[in-house]
């Protein structure tokens, strides 16, 4: 199952190197929702190199797969990242704290009452 996680990297766990040189890097990403969630996203094997260039404080969008498994009648879920994009990939005019695409009105000039025209149909 494919998912997309967008948020702020709040932790980068130590790299784990297993048998035959298999690498695993885990980034903990905090979502920017009403009730933020801290999600550990694992980058394994070839995709581990993609997570190397990101660190705490970076705003990222991660494409990942959900993986589930059963062990001793208990069920576990992991999030395996396979693509990651930094804040540079966001559209122009959108910042990490702008609420997901809200326009930036900070440069707009106020309009005086004399300049307004009444174009209401009633």
PDB file of N, CA and C in Angstrom:
ATOM      1  N   UNK A   1       0.841  -1.172   0.000  1.00  0.00           N
ATOM      2  CA  UNK A   1       0.000   0.000   0.000  1.00  0.00           C
ATOM      3  C   UNK A   1       0.887   1.236   0.000  1.00  0.00           C
ATOM      4  N   UNK A   2       0.714   2.117  -0.971  1.00  0.00           N
ATOM      5  CA  UNK A   2       1.518   3.337  -1.074  1.00  0.00           C
ATOM      6  C   UNK A   2       0.877   4.469  -0.287  1.00  0.00           C
ATOM      7  N   UNK A   3       1.703   5.232   0.407  1.00  0.00           N
ATOM      8  CA  UNK A   3       1.248   6.414   1.128  1.00  0.00           C
ATOM      9  C   UNK A   3       2.243   7.542   0.882  1.00  0.00           C
ATOM     10  N   UNK A   4       1.847   8.769   1.230  1.00  0.00           N
ATOM     11  CA  UNK A   4       2.738   9.919   1.161  1.00  0.00           C
ATOM     12  C   UNK A   4       2.694  10.616   2.514  1.00  0.00           C
ATOM     13  N   UNK A   5       3.861  10.853   3.081  1.00  0.00           N
ATOM     14  CA  UNK A   5       3.992  11.494   4.386  1.00  0.00           C
ATOM     15  C   UNK A   5       4.695  12.819   4.185  1.00  0.00           C
ATOM     16  N   UNK A   6       4.079  13.897   4.677  1.00  0.00           N
ATOM     17  CA  UNK A   6       4.685  15.225   4.574  1.00  0.00           C
ATOM     18  C   UNK A   6       4.831  15.791   5.971  1.00  0.00           C
ATOM     19  N   UNK A   7       6.006  16.351   6.254  1.00  0.00           N
ATOM     20  CA  UNK A   7       6.214  16.925   7.572  1.00  0.00           C
ATOM     21  C   UNK A   7       7.643  17.353   7.804  1.00  0.00           C
ATOM     22  N   UNK A   8       7.950  17.530   9.072  1.00  0.00           N
ATOM     23  CA  UNK A   8       9.247  18.039   9.510  1.00  0.00           C
ATOM     24  C   UNK A   8      10.051  16.893  10.122  1.00  0.00           C
ATOM     25  N   UNK A   9      11.309  16.757   9.720  1.00  0.00           N
ATOM     26  CA  UNK A   9      12.174  15.728  10.295  1.00  0.00           C
ATOM     27  C   UNK A   9      12.538  16.179  11.709  1.00  0.00           C
ATOM     28  N   UNK A  10      12.123  15.396  12.717  1.00  0.00           N
ATOM     29  CA  UNK A  10      12.412  15.747  14.107  1.00  0.00           C
ATOM     30  C   UNK A  10      13.541  14.898  14.692  1.00  0.00           C
ATOM     31  N   UNK A  11      13.870  13.789  14.030  1.00  0.00           N
ATOM     32  CA  UNK A  11      14.990  12.954  14.503  1.00  0.00           C
ATOM     33  C   UNK A  11      15.510  12.113  13.347  1.00  0.00           C
ATOM     34  N   UNK A  12      16.812  11.872  13.394  1.00  0.00           N
ATOM     35  CA  UNK A  12      17.448  10.971  12.444  1.00  0.00           C
ATOM     36  C   UNK A  12      18.196   9.936  13.269  1.00  0.00           C
ATOM     37  N   UNK A  13      17.711   8.692  13.213  1.00  0.00           N
ATOM     38  CA  UNK A  13      18.297   7.626  14.018  1.00  0.00           C
ATOM     39  C   UNK A  13      19.622   7.177  13.412  1.00  0.00           C
ATOM     40  N   UNK A  14      20.459   6.580  14.230  1.00  0.00           N
ATOM     41  CA  UNK A  14      21.753   6.081  13.769  1.00  0.00           C
ATOM     42  C   UNK A  14      21.556   5.024  12.690  1.00  0.00           C
ATOM     43  N   UNK A  15      22.431   5.058  11.714  1.00  0.00           N
ATOM     44  CA  UNK A  15      22.396   4.068  10.634  1.00  0.00           C
ATOM     45  C   UNK A  15      22.724   2.691  11.184  1.00  0.00           C
ATOM     46  N   UNK A  16      21.974   1.689  10.712  1.00  0.00           N
ATOM     47  CA  UNK A  16      22.213   0.308  11.102  1.00  0.00           C
ATOM     48  C   UNK A  16      22.710  -0.437   9.874  1.00  0.00           C
ATOM     49  N   UNK A  17      23.858  -1.139  10.014  1.00  0.00           N
ATOM     50  CA  UNK A  17      24.399  -1.932   8.921  1.00  0.00           C
ATOM     51  C   UNK A  17      24.289  -3.395   9.323  1.00  0.00           C
ATOM     52  N   UNK A  18      23.575  -4.164   8.498  1.00  0.00           N
ATOM     53  CA  UNK A  18      23.355  -5.577   8.799  1.00  0.00           C
ATOM     54  C   UNK A  18      24.228  -6.479   7.961  1.00  0.00           C
ATOM     55  N   UNK A  19      23.774  -7.720   7.854  1.00  0.00           N
ATOM     56  CA  UNK A  19      24.502  -8.731   7.089  1.00  0.00           C
ATOM     57  C   UNK A  19      24.595  -8.326   5.624  1.00  0.00           C
ATOM     58  N   UNK A  20      25.687  -8.655   5.018  1.00  0.00           N
ATOM     59  CA  UNK A  20      25.951  -8.383   3.591  1.00  0.00           C
ATOM     60  C   UNK A  20      25.878  -6.890   3.267  1.00  0.00           C
ATOM     61  N   UNK A  21      26.150  -6.039   4.265  1.00  0.00           N
ATOM     62  CA  UNK A  21      26.200  -4.606   4.020  1.00  0.00           C
ATOM     63  C   UNK A  21      24.854  -3.922   3.862  1.00  0.00           C
ATOM     64  N   UNK A  22      23.766  -4.591   4.252  1.00  0.00           N
ATOM     65  CA  UNK A  22      22.449  -3.970   4.156  1.00  0.00           C
ATOM     66  C   UNK A  22      22.354  -2.790   5.120  1.00  0.00           C
ATOM     67  N   UNK A  23      21.965  -1.615   4.606  1.00  0.00           N
ATOM     68  CA  UNK A  23      21.862  -0.397   5.410  1.00  0.00           C
ATOM     69  C   UNK A  23      20.417  -0.071   5.717  1.00  0.00           C
ATOM     70  N   UNK A  24      20.190   0.536   6.899  1.00  0.00           N
ATOM     71  CA  UNK A  24      18.865   1.032   7.257  1.00  0.00           C
ATOM     72  C   UNK A  24      19.026   2.368   7.962  1.00  0.00           C
ATOM     73  N   UNK A  25      18.348   3.391   7.444  1.00  0.00           N
ATOM     74  CA  UNK A  25      18.334   4.720   8.044  1.00  0.00           C
ATOM     75  C   UNK A  25      16.890   5.039   8.383  1.00  0.00           C
ATOM     76  N   UNK A  26      16.643   5.518   9.608  1.00  0.00           N
ATOM     77  CA  UNK A  26      15.294   5.860  10.032  1.00  0.00           C
ATOM     78  C   UNK A  26      15.191   7.350  10.296  1.00  0.00           C
ATOM     79  N   UNK A  27      14.216   7.990   9.644  1.00  0.00           N
ATOM     80  CA  UNK A  27      13.888   9.389   9.892  1.00  0.00           C
ATOM     81  C   UNK A  27      12.552   9.434  10.622  1.00  0.00           C
ATOM     82  N   UNK A  28      12.465  10.221  11.676  1.00  0.00           N
ATOM     83  CA  UNK A  28      11.203  10.422  12.371  1.00  0.00           C
ATOM     84  C   UNK A  28      10.627  11.736  11.865  1.00  0.00           C
ATOM     85  N   UNK A  29       9.439  11.654  11.254  1.00  0.00           N
ATOM     86  CA  UNK A  29       8.803  12.811  10.622  1.00  0.00           C
ATOM     87  C   UNK A  29       7.556  13.184  11.406  1.00  0.00           C
ATOM     88  N   UNK A  30       7.456  14.461  11.779  1.00  0.00           N
ATOM     89  CA  UNK A  30       6.262  14.959  12.466  1.00  0.00           C
ATOM     90  C   UNK A  30       5.349  15.616  11.441  1.00  0.00           C
ATOM     91  N   UNK A  31       4.125  15.098  11.341  1.00  0.00           N
ATOM     92  CA  UNK A  31       3.167  15.631  10.370  1.00  0.00           C
ATOM     93  C   UNK A  31       2.670  16.996  10.817  1.00  0.00           C
ATOM     94  N   UNK A  32       2.204  17.792   9.879  1.00  0.00           N
ATOM     95  CA  UNK A  32       1.719  19.139  10.154  1.00  0.00           C
ATOM     96  C   UNK A  32       0.190  19.136  10.083  1.00  0.00           C
ATOM     97  N   UNK A  33      -0.442  18.426  10.992  1.00  0.00           N
ATOM     98  CA  UNK A  33      -1.890  18.300  11.027  1.00  0.00           C
ATOM     99  C   UNK A  33      -2.421  18.913  12.308  1.00  0.00           C
ATOM    100  N   UNK A  34      -3.737  18.860  12.467  1.00  0.00           N
ATOM    101  CA  UNK A  34      -4.336  19.369  13.698  1.00  0.00           C
ATOM    102  C   UNK A  34      -3.794  18.617  14.905  1.00  0.00           C
ATOM    103  N   UNK A  35      -3.665  17.307  14.778  1.00  0.00           N
ATOM    104  CA  UNK A  35      -3.071  16.464  15.808  1.00  0.00           C
ATOM    105  C   UNK A  35      -1.814  15.819  15.223  1.00  0.00           C
ATOM    106  N   UNK A  36      -0.667  16.492  15.346  1.00  0.00           N
ATOM    107  CA  UNK A  36       0.570  15.998  14.722  1.00  0.00           C
ATOM    108  C   UNK A  36       0.953  14.601  15.210  1.00  0.00           C
ATOM    109  N   UNK A  37       1.478  13.808  14.288  1.00  0.00           N
ATOM    110  CA  UNK A  37       1.939  12.461  14.574  1.00  0.00           C
ATOM    111  C   UNK A  37       3.431  12.376  14.279  1.00  0.00           C
ATOM    112  N   UNK A  38       4.163  11.651  15.096  1.00  0.00           N
ATOM    113  CA  UNK A  38       5.581  11.406  14.842  1.00  0.00           C
ATOM    114  C   UNK A  38       5.698   9.999  14.281  1.00  0.00           C
ATOM    115  N   UNK A  39       6.065   9.916  12.994  1.00  0.00           N
ATOM    116  CA  UNK A  39       6.104   8.651  12.277  1.00  0.00           C
ATOM    117  C   UNK A  39       7.545   8.262  11.933  1.00  0.00           C
ATOM    118  N   UNK A  40       7.997   7.076  12.370  1.00  0.00           N
ATOM    119  CA  UNK A  40       9.324   6.608  11.965  1.00  0.00           C
ATOM    120  C   UNK A  40       9.251   5.994  10.566  1.00  0.00           C
ATOM    121  N   UNK A  41      10.022   6.545   9.643  1.00  0.00           N
ATOM    122  CA  UNK A  41      10.056   6.047   8.268  1.00  0.00           C
ATOM    123  C   UNK A  41      11.432   5.434   8.032  1.00  0.00           C
ATOM    124  N   UNK A  42      11.448   4.152   7.627  1.00  0.00           N
ATOM    125  CA  UNK A  42      12.700   3.430   7.410  1.00  0.00           C
ATOM    126  C   UNK A  42      13.079   3.459   5.933  1.00  0.00           C
ATOM    127  N   UNK A  43      14.351   3.731   5.678  1.00  0.00           N
ATOM    128  CA  UNK A  43      14.910   3.659   4.326  1.00  0.00           C
ATOM    129  C   UNK A  43      15.912   2.510   4.340  1.00  0.00           C
ATOM    130  N   UNK A  44      15.643   1.489   3.528  1.00  0.00           N
ATOM    131  CA  UNK A  44      16.424   0.255   3.568  1.00  0.00           C
ATOM    132  C   UNK A  44      17.116   0.026   2.233  1.00  0.00           C
ATOM    133  N   UNK A  45      18.290  -0.595   2.293  1.00  0.00           N
ATOM    134  CA  UNK A  45      19.096  -0.974   1.128  1.00  0.00           C
ATOM    135  C   UNK A  45      19.441   0.247   0.278  1.00  0.00           C
ATOM    136  N   UNK A  46      19.074   0.225  -1.016  1.00  0.00           N
ATOM    137  CA  UNK A  46      19.441   1.307  -1.941  1.00  0.00           C
ATOM    138  C   UNK A  46      18.817   2.644  -1.561  1.00  0.00           C
ATOM    139  N   UNK A  47      17.617   2.642  -0.987  1.00  0.00           N
ATOM    140  CA  UNK A  47      16.957   3.897  -0.659  1.00  0.00           C
ATOM    141  C   UNK A  47      17.546   4.565   0.582  1.00  0.00           C
ATOM    142  N   UNK A  48      18.404   3.858   1.338  1.00  0.00           N
ATOM    143  CA  UNK A  48      19.022   4.445   2.529  1.00  0.00           C
ATOM    144  C   UNK A  48      19.881   5.656   2.163  1.00  0.00           C
ATOM    145  N   UNK A  49      20.498   5.630   1.006  1.00  0.00           N
ATOM    146  CA  UNK A  49      21.315   6.756   0.563  1.00  0.00           C
ATOM    147  C   UNK A  49      20.503   8.016   0.315  1.00  0.00           C
ATOM    148  N   UNK A  50      19.226   7.858  -0.025  1.00  0.00           N
ATOM    149  CA  UNK A  50      18.362   9.015  -0.276  1.00  0.00           C
ATOM    150  C   UNK A  50      18.097   9.802   1.005  1.00  0.00           C
ATOM    151  N   UNK A  51      18.091   9.129   2.137  1.00  0.00           N
ATOM    152  CA  UNK A  51      17.806   9.792   3.413  1.00  0.00           C
ATOM    153  C   UNK A  51      19.038  10.456   4.010  1.00  0.00           C
ATOM    154  N   UNK A  52      20.230  10.139   3.500  1.00  0.00           N
ATOM    155  CA  UNK A  52      21.475  10.659   4.070  1.00  0.00           C
ATOM    156  C   UNK A  52      21.577  12.172   4.009  1.00  0.00           C
ATOM    157  N   UNK A  53      21.027  12.792   2.976  1.00  0.00           N
ATOM    158  CA  UNK A  53      21.200  14.234   2.804  1.00  0.00           C
ATOM    159  C   UNK A  53      20.223  15.073   3.622  1.00  0.00           C
ATOM    160  N   UNK A  54      19.339  14.437   4.378  1.00  0.00           N
ATOM    161  CA  UNK A  54      18.362  15.165   5.184  1.00  0.00           C
ATOM    162  C   UNK A  54      18.698  15.039   6.660  1.00  0.00           C
ATOM    163  N   UNK A  55      18.359  16.089   7.422  1.00  0.00           N
ATOM    164  CA  UNK A  55      18.652  16.094   8.851  1.00  0.00           C
ATOM    165  C   UNK A  55      17.497  16.747   9.598  1.00  0.00           C
ATOM    166  N   UNK A  56      17.622  16.828  10.907  1.00  0.00           N
ATOM    167  CA  UNK A  56      16.582  17.413  11.742  1.00  0.00           C
ATOM    168  C   UNK A  56      16.280  18.841  11.301  1.00  0.00           C
ATOM    169  N   UNK A  57      14.993  19.177  11.247  1.00  0.00           N
ATOM    170  CA  UNK A  57      14.567  20.514  10.869  1.00  0.00           C
ATOM    171  C   UNK A  57      14.197  20.654   9.403  1.00  0.00           C
ATOM    172  N   UNK A  58      14.492  19.671   8.574  1.00  0.00           N
ATOM    173  CA  UNK A  58      14.156  19.726   7.150  1.00  0.00           C
ATOM    174  C   UNK A  58      12.689  19.373   6.931  1.00  0.00           C
ATOM    175  N   UNK A  59      12.026  20.115   6.057  1.00  0.00           N
ATOM    176  CA  UNK A  59      10.650  19.812   5.662  1.00  0.00           C
ATOM    177  C   UNK A  59      10.715  18.882   4.461  1.00  0.00           C
ATOM    178  N   UNK A  60      10.068  17.716   4.569  1.00  0.00           N
ATOM    179  CA  UNK A  60      10.176  16.698   3.524  1.00  0.00           C
ATOM    180  C   UNK A  60       8.808  16.130   3.152  1.00  0.00           C
ATOM    181  N   UNK A  61       8.750  15.565   1.956  1.00  0.00           N
ATOM    182  CA  UNK A  61       7.622  14.762   1.502  1.00  0.00           C
ATOM    183  C   UNK A  61       8.187  13.397   1.133  1.00  0.00           C
ATOM    184  N   UNK A  62       7.644  12.348   1.749  1.00  0.00           N
ATOM    185  CA  UNK A  62       8.162  11.002   1.574  1.00  0.00           C
ATOM    186  C   UNK A  62       7.096  10.109   0.954  1.00  0.00           C
ATOM    187  N   UNK A  63       7.461   9.399  -0.104  1.00  0.00           N
ATOM    188  CA  UNK A  63       6.613   8.357  -0.670  1.00  0.00           C
ATOM    189  C   UNK A  63       7.068   7.051  -0.041  1.00  0.00           C
ATOM    190  N   UNK A  64       6.108   6.260   0.447  1.00  0.00           N
ATOM    191  CA  UNK A  64       6.468   5.059   1.192  1.00  0.00           C
ATOM    192  C   UNK A  64       5.442   3.945   0.999  1.00  0.00           C
ATOM    193  N   UNK A  65       5.819   2.771   1.456  1.00  0.00           N
ATOM    194  CA  UNK A  65       4.936   1.605   1.472  1.00  0.00           C
ATOM    195  C   UNK A  65       4.673   1.225   2.917  1.00  0.00           C
ATOM    196  N   UNK A  66       3.457   0.790   3.208  1.00  0.00           N
ATOM    197  CA  UNK A  66       3.135   0.233   4.518  1.00  0.00           C
ATOM    198  C   UNK A  66       3.394  -1.262   4.465  1.00  0.00           C
ATOM    199  N   UNK A  67       4.088  -1.771   5.453  1.00  0.00           N
ATOM    200  CA  UNK A  67       4.381  -3.203   5.529  1.00  0.00           C
ATOM    201  C   UNK A  67       3.851  -3.734   6.853  1.00  0.00           C
ATOM    202  N   UNK A  68       3.143  -4.849   6.812  1.00  0.00           N
ATOM    203  CA  UNK A  68       2.612  -5.470   8.016  1.00  0.00           C
ATOM    204  C   UNK A  68       3.109  -6.895   8.150  1.00  0.00           C
ATOM    205  N   UNK A  69       3.247  -7.357   9.384  1.00  0.00           N
ATOM    206  CA  UNK A  69       3.682  -8.726   9.609  1.00  0.00           C
ATOM    207  C   UNK A  69       3.137  -9.204  10.958  1.00  0.00           C
ATOM    208  N   UNK A  70       3.071 -10.519  11.103  1.00  0.00           N
ATOM    209  CA  UNK A  70       2.565 -11.142  12.319  1.00  0.00           C
ATOM    210  C   UNK A  70       3.683 -11.927  12.976  1.00  0.00           C
ATOM    211  N   UNK A  71       3.764 -11.857  14.298  1.00  0.00           N
ATOM    212  CA  UNK A  71       4.759 -12.608  15.056  1.00  0.00           C
ATOM    213  C   UNK A  71       4.143 -12.985  16.401  1.00  0.00           C
ATOM    214  N   UNK A  72       4.048 -14.267  16.676  1.00  0.00           N
ATOM    215  CA  UNK A  72       3.465 -14.758  17.932  1.00  0.00           C
ATOM    216  C   UNK A  72       2.083 -14.174  18.212  1.00  0.00           C
ATOM    217  N   UNK A  73       1.257 -14.175  17.195  1.00  0.00           N
ATOM    218  CA  UNK A  73      -0.111 -13.667  17.295  1.00  0.00           C
ATOM    219  C   UNK A  73      -0.166 -12.172  17.635  1.00  0.00           C
ATOM    220  N   UNK A  74       0.886 -11.438  17.313  1.00  0.00           N
ATOM    221  CA  UNK A  74       0.930  -9.979  17.447  1.00  0.00           C
ATOM    222  C   UNK A  74       1.225  -9.410  16.078  1.00  0.00           C
ATOM    223  N   UNK A  75       0.698  -8.233  15.804  1.00  0.00           N
ATOM    224  CA  UNK A  75       0.831  -7.631  14.473  1.00  0.00           C
ATOM    225  C   UNK A  75       1.610  -6.330  14.564  1.00  0.00           C
ATOM    226  N   UNK A  76       2.495  -6.132  13.581  1.00  0.00           N
ATOM    227  CA  UNK A  76       3.366  -4.967  13.541  1.00  0.00           C
ATOM    228  C   UNK A  76       3.277  -4.318  12.165  1.00  0.00           C
ATOM    229  N   UNK A  77       3.420  -2.996  12.140  1.00  0.00           N
ATOM    230  CA  UNK A  77       3.381  -2.233  10.891  1.00  0.00           C
ATOM    231  C   UNK A  77       4.644  -1.389  10.812  1.00  0.00           C
ATOM    232  N   UNK A  78       5.240  -1.308   9.631  1.00  0.00           N
ATOM    233  CA  UNK A  78       6.384  -0.427   9.420  1.00  0.00           C
ATOM    234  C   UNK A  78       6.142   0.403   8.163  1.00  0.00           C
ATOM    235  N   UNK A  79       6.791   1.550   8.112  1.00  0.00           N
ATOM    236  CA  UNK A  79       6.697   2.453   6.964  1.00  0.00           C
ATOM    237  C   UNK A  79       8.052   2.448   6.275  1.00  0.00           C
ATOM    238  N   UNK A  80       8.100   1.944   5.038  1.00  0.00           N
ATOM    239  CA  UNK A  80       9.349   1.854   4.278  1.00  0.00           C
ATOM    240  C   UNK A  80       9.368   2.921   3.190  1.00  0.00           C
ATOM    241  N   UNK A  81      10.221   3.928   3.364  1.00  0.00           N
ATOM    242  CA  UNK A  81      10.335   5.011   2.391  1.00  0.00           C
ATOM    243  C   UNK A  81      11.111   4.585   1.163  1.00  0.00           C
ATOM    244  N   UNK A  82      10.697   5.063   0.008  1.00  0.00           N
ATOM    245  CA  UNK A  82      11.423   4.757  -1.229  1.00  0.00           C
ATOM    246  C   UNK A  82      11.706   6.011  -2.050  1.00  0.00           C
ATOM    247  N   UNK A  83      11.105   7.150  -1.687  1.00  0.00           N
ATOM    248  CA  UNK A  83      11.428   8.425  -2.345  1.00  0.00           C
ATOM    249  C   UNK A  83      11.252   9.532  -1.316  1.00  0.00           C
ATOM    250  N   UNK A  84      12.132  10.526  -1.376  1.00  0.00           N
ATOM    251  CA  UNK A  84      12.055  11.652  -0.449  1.00  0.00           C
ATOM    252  C   UNK A  84      12.394  12.923  -1.205  1.00  0.00           C
ATOM    253  N   UNK A  85      11.596  13.964  -0.966  1.00  0.00           N
ATOM    254  CA  UNK A  85      11.825  15.273  -1.579  1.00  0.00           C
ATOM    255  C   UNK A  85      11.879  16.310  -0.471  1.00  0.00           C
ATOM    256  N   UNK A  86      12.817  17.243  -0.590  1.00  0.00           N
ATOM    257  CA  UNK A  86      12.956  18.294   0.399  1.00  0.00           C
ATOM    258  C   UNK A  86      12.076  19.482   0.085  1.00  0.00           C
ATOM    259  N   UNK A  87      12.191  20.530   0.891  1.00  0.00           N
ATOM    260  CA  UNK A  87      11.387  21.735   0.752  1.00  0.00           C
ATOM    261  C   UNK A  87      11.619  22.409  -0.598  1.00  0.00           C
ATOM    262  N   UNK A  88      12.780  22.179  -1.216  1.00  0.00           N
ATOM    263  CA  UNK A  88      13.081  22.777  -2.511  1.00  0.00           C
ATOM    264  C   UNK A  88      12.072  22.342  -3.569  1.00  0.00           C
ATOM    265  N   UNK A  89      11.467  21.163  -3.378  1.00  0.00           N
ATOM    266  CA  UNK A  89      10.536  20.626  -4.371  1.00  0.00           C
ATOM    267  C   UNK A  89       9.143  21.220  -4.237  1.00  0.00           C
ATOM    268  N   UNK A  90       8.912  22.087  -3.223  1.00  0.00           N
ATOM    269  CA  UNK A  90       7.592  22.672  -3.039  1.00  0.00           C
ATOM    270  C   UNK A  90       7.377  23.779  -4.072  1.00  0.00           C
ATOM    271  N   UNK A  91       6.126  24.037  -4.477  1.00  0.00           N
ATOM    272  CA  UNK A  91       5.853  25.089  -5.449  1.00  0.00           C
ATOM    273  C   UNK A  91       6.278  26.455  -4.934  1.00  0.00           C
ATOM    274  N   UNK A  92       6.600  27.349  -5.857  1.00  0.00           N
ATOM    275  CA  UNK A  92       7.013  28.696  -5.479  1.00  0.00           C
ATOM    276  C   UNK A  92       5.889  29.387  -4.729  1.00  0.00           C
ATOM    277  N   UNK A  93       6.245  30.159  -3.702  1.00  0.00           N
ATOM    278  CA  UNK A  93       5.249  30.884  -2.930  1.00  0.00           C
ATOM    279  C   UNK A  93       4.673  30.086  -1.779  1.00  0.00           C
ATOM    280  N   UNK A  94       5.013  28.824  -1.659  1.00  0.00           N
ATOM    281  CA  UNK A  94       4.515  27.986  -0.577  1.00  0.00           C
ATOM    282  C   UNK A  94       5.678  27.715   0.360  1.00  0.00           C
ATOM    283  N   UNK A  95       5.492  28.038   1.626  1.00  0.00           N
ATOM    284  CA  UNK A  95       6.543  27.781   2.593  1.00  0.00           C
ATOM    285  C   UNK A  95       6.101  26.653   3.511  1.00  0.00           C
ATOM    286  N   UNK A  96       7.027  26.128   4.289  1.00  0.00           N
ATOM    287  CA  UNK A  96       6.726  24.977   5.147  1.00  0.00           C
ATOM    288  C   UNK A  96       5.641  25.302   6.156  1.00  0.00           C
ATOM    289  N   UNK A  97       5.586  26.530   6.637  1.00  0.00           N
ATOM    290  CA  UNK A  97       4.607  26.872   7.648  1.00  0.00           C
ATOM    291  C   UNK A  97       3.390  27.588   7.102  1.00  0.00           C
ATOM    292  N   UNK A  98       3.143  27.536   5.816  1.00  0.00           N
ATOM    293  CA  UNK A  98       2.041  28.302   5.242  1.00  0.00           C
ATOM    294  C   UNK A  98       0.732  27.553   5.241  1.00  0.00           C
ATOM    295  N   UNK A  99       0.662  26.400   5.868  1.00  0.00           N
ATOM    296  CA  UNK A  99      -0.602  25.701   5.969  1.00  0.00           C
ATOM    297  C   UNK A  99      -0.959  24.920   4.728  1.00  0.00           C
ATOM    298  N   UNK A 100       0.007  24.397   4.014  1.00  0.00           N
ATOM    299  CA  UNK A 100      -0.277  23.522   2.889  1.00  0.00           C
ATOM    300  C   UNK A 100      -0.818  24.228   1.672  1.00  0.00           C
ATOM    301  N   UNK A 101      -0.216  25.307   1.266  1.00  0.00           N
ATOM    302  CA  UNK A 101      -0.613  25.931   0.019  1.00  0.00           C
ATOM    303  C   UNK A 101      -1.395  27.223   0.190  1.00  0.00           C
ATOM    304  N   UNK A 102      -1.489  27.768   1.385  1.00  0.00           N
ATOM    305  CA  UNK A 102      -2.193  29.023   1.586  1.00  0.00           C
ATOM    306  C   UNK A 102      -1.414  30.145   0.911  1.00  0.00           C
ATOM    307  N   UNK A 103      -2.103  31.073   0.229  1.00  0.00           N
ATOM    308  CA  UNK A 103      -1.387  32.151  -0.455  1.00  0.00           C
ATOM    309  C   UNK A 103      -0.732  33.102   0.532  1.00  0.00           C
ATOM    310  N   UNK A 104       0.324  33.745   0.093  1.00  0.00           N
ATOM    311  CA  UNK A 104       1.050  34.696   0.913  1.00  0.00           C
ATOM    312  C   UNK A 104       0.568  36.101   0.566  1.00  0.00           C
ATOM    313  N   UNK A 105      -0.156  36.736   1.503  1.00  0.00           N
ATOM    314  CA  UNK A 105      -0.706  38.063   1.269  1.00  0.00           C
ATOM    315  C   UNK A 105       0.132  39.159   1.914  1.00  0.00           C
ATOM    316  N   UNK A 106       1.332  38.820   2.385  1.00  0.00           N
ATOM    317  CA  UNK A 106       2.143  39.794   3.104  1.00  0.00           C
ATOM    318  C   UNK A 106       2.595  40.959   2.226  1.00  0.00           C
ATOM    319  N   UNK A 107       2.659  40.791   0.902  1.00  0.00           N
ATOM    320  CA  UNK A 107       3.118  41.850   0.011  1.00  0.00           C
ATOM    321  C   UNK A 107       1.975  42.666  -0.583  1.00  0.00           C
ATOM    322  N   UNK A 108       0.727  42.308  -0.300  1.00  0.00           N
ATOM    323  CA  UNK A 108      -0.419  43.034  -0.854  1.00  0.00           C
ATOM    324  C   UNK A 108      -0.569  44.391  -0.197  1.00  0.00           C
ATOM    325  N   UNK A 109      -0.997  45.357  -0.974  1.00  0.00           N
ATOM    326  CA  UNK A 109      -1.226  46.711  -0.484  1.00  0.00           C
ATOM    327  C   UNK A 109      -2.701  46.876  -0.132  1.00  0.00           C
ATOM    328  N   UNK A 110      -3.021  47.580   0.965  1.00  0.00           N
ATOM    329  CA  UNK A 110      -4.425  47.795   1.313  1.00  0.00           C
ATOM    330  C   UNK A 110      -5.104  48.711   0.295  1.00  0.00           C
ATOM    331  N   UNK A 111      -6.377  48.482   0.087  1.00  0.00           N
ATOM    332  CA  UNK A 111      -7.157  49.280  -0.845  1.00  0.00           C
ATOM    333  C   UNK A 111      -8.013  50.228  -0.032  1.00  0.00           C
ATOM    334  N   UNK A 112      -7.992  51.531  -0.377  1.00  0.00           N
ATOM    335  CA  UNK A 112      -8.787  52.501   0.367  1.00  0.00           C
ATOM    336  C   UNK A 112     -10.255  52.372  -0.029  1.00  0.00           C
ATOM    337  N   UNK A 113     -11.129  52.879   0.829  1.00  0.00           N
ATOM    338  CA  UNK A 113     -12.567  52.786   0.598  1.00  0.00           C
ATOM    339  C   UNK A 113     -12.949  53.559  -0.665  1.00  0.00           C
ATOM    340  N   UNK A 114     -12.274  54.667  -0.958  1.00  0.00           N
ATOM    341  CA  UNK A 114     -12.584  55.472  -2.134  1.00  0.00           C
ATOM    342  C   UNK A 114     -12.282  54.720  -3.426  1.00  0.00           C
ATOM    343  N   UNK A 115     -11.331  53.799  -3.414  1.00  0.00           N
ATOM    344  CA  UNK A 115     -10.961  53.067  -4.620  1.00  0.00           C
ATOM    345  C   UNK A 115     -11.885  51.894  -4.902  1.00  0.00           C
ATOM    346  N   UNK A 116     -12.630  51.436  -3.901  1.00  0.00           N
ATOM    347  CA  UNK A 116     -13.504  50.282  -4.092  1.00  0.00           C
ATOM    348  C   UNK A 116     -14.718  50.677  -4.915  1.00  0.00           C
ATOM    349  N   UNK A 117     -15.164  49.745  -5.730  1.00  0.00           N
ATOM    350  CA  UNK A 117     -16.391  49.961  -6.486  1.00  0.00           C
ATOM    351  C   UNK A 117     -17.435  48.969  -6.001  1.00  0.00           C
ATOM    352  N   UNK A 118     -18.679  49.413  -5.974  1.00  0.00           N
ATOM    353  CA  UNK A 118     -19.756  48.556  -5.523  1.00  0.00           C
ATOM    354  C   UNK A 118     -20.269  47.754  -6.714  1.00  0.00           C
ATOM    355  N   UNK A 119     -19.889  46.505  -6.808  1.00  0.00           N
ATOM    356  CA  UNK A 119     -20.303  45.683  -7.938  1.00  0.00           C
ATOM    357  C   UNK A 119     -21.268  44.575  -7.530  1.00  0.00           C
ATOM    358  N   UNK A 120     -21.908  44.754  -6.374  1.00  0.00           N
ATOM    359  CA  UNK A 120     -22.889  43.764  -5.935  1.00  0.00           C
ATOM    360  C   UNK A 120     -24.164  43.877  -6.776  1.00  0.00           C
ATOM    361  N   UNK A 121     -24.782  42.748  -7.115  1.00  0.00           N
ATOM    362  CA  UNK A 121     -25.952  42.782  -7.984  1.00  0.00           C
ATOM    363  C   UNK A 121     -27.244  43.181  -7.284  1.00  0.00           C
ATOM    364  N   UNK A 122     -27.216  43.524  -6.006  1.00  0.00           N
ATOM    365  CA  UNK A 122     -28.460  43.923  -5.316  1.00  0.00           C
ATOM    366  C   UNK A 122     -28.299  45.201  -4.551  1.00  0.00           C
TER     367      UNK A 122
END
